[in-house]
Structures are given as C-alpha cells and as structure tokens.
Amino acid sequence: MAKILLAEDHNATGISLKAAFERDCHTVELVKSGQEALERLREFSYELIILDVLLPDLSGYEVCRLYRAQSGNAPVLMLTGLASIEDKEQGFGFGADDYLAKPFDMRELMMRVSALLRRPGIYKDDLIEVRGLELSSRLKLARLDGTVLDLRPKEFEMLEFFMRRQNQYFTLDELRSLLWSMD
C-alpha cells in the first residue's frame, strides 16, 4: 500500500490506471498536467511518482528534473508513448528510475511498480547544474541551456571535476595530479 502520484493527461488511461492501482490497495492522486504534478510534489509526499512525458504545460521530463533538483527521492516511473532509446536516455538522464513505453501490459506495469516500491527511498543525484550547464556523470552527457555539448572524455572529466568543486581553487600542479595519471 503506497501513496502514488499519477500524472496522465489522457482521461481514459488515467482513470483506468488509477482504478488498477486502487484495486491493488494503493492511494492514487491523478493529475492531468505537469504544472499540477509539480505543485503536488511541492506540497505532499509520495512513495512513487508515475509521469507521462507528453503532459500539457510542463513535460514529465521537466517535472522529474525539477523534483530531483528539490531533493525529491521517491522513485519515478516514466510511462509514455515515446519509445526510442534517445527518449529513454533523456528520461533516465533527468532522474527517472524506470521507463515503460505505451502500449504496455498491465501486469508488467504492476511488477515494475512493486519493484520500485521495494527499493529504499534514497536517490543519488548524478545530475549537476550550474548556471544553465547540466552534467550527468552516469550518462556522460553535458548540456548548456538544453543543447548537448560534444566533449572529449578528458574534457568531460575536467568539467565534472570543476562542477563538483565550485568555489574551490587549485594550482596547476594540483590539477595535474588530480586529473591526469602519472603516464
């Protein structure tokens, strides 16, 4: 029995999912827009968040990113018609714990929900944001104002190093020893 936030703008899908989760003894709050989901997340605690990506006014990706930026640690499942590997990569990059493309089998959704609810509620954020620059160490992806940056491995490593150590100063010798091997 968990408290679930379900953000789904398609009325019939939202109602049927809500009923299925309630039959499984969960408490479900159904919202139909990204902004409404974000407002609920600011006011209430949930044990699981299920987001459609293509929500009116604010995408599920953006809701997830903003939730994680506010230290939200409940598991997030993206439930969407966007099924490409790039879509999934983006969802996971913004902090989703799982991603299921529509159409789906209800049994698979219920198994994924059960698995997510068994996990401890700790989210280790690998997304770093500094002045419009976002970096995901897990995906090895950096964006500046939403545009993906084409970085070589050493450039990415250096960017991550500096973003994780804001307002710290290093000598050239310190940087050499911290960022380059003896080779």
Foldseek 3Di string as FASTA:
>chain_A
DWEEEEADQPVVVQVVVCVVVVVVVYHYDYHQALVVSLVCLVPDDTQEYEAEQPGPPHGPLRSLLVCVVVVFQHAYEYEYQDDDPVVVLSSVQSPHPYYHHPPDDVVVVVVVVVVSSPDPRHGDDQWFDDQQWIARPVSLWIDRVRHTDDDDPLRSVVVSVDSVVDPDDDDPVRCCPVRHDPD
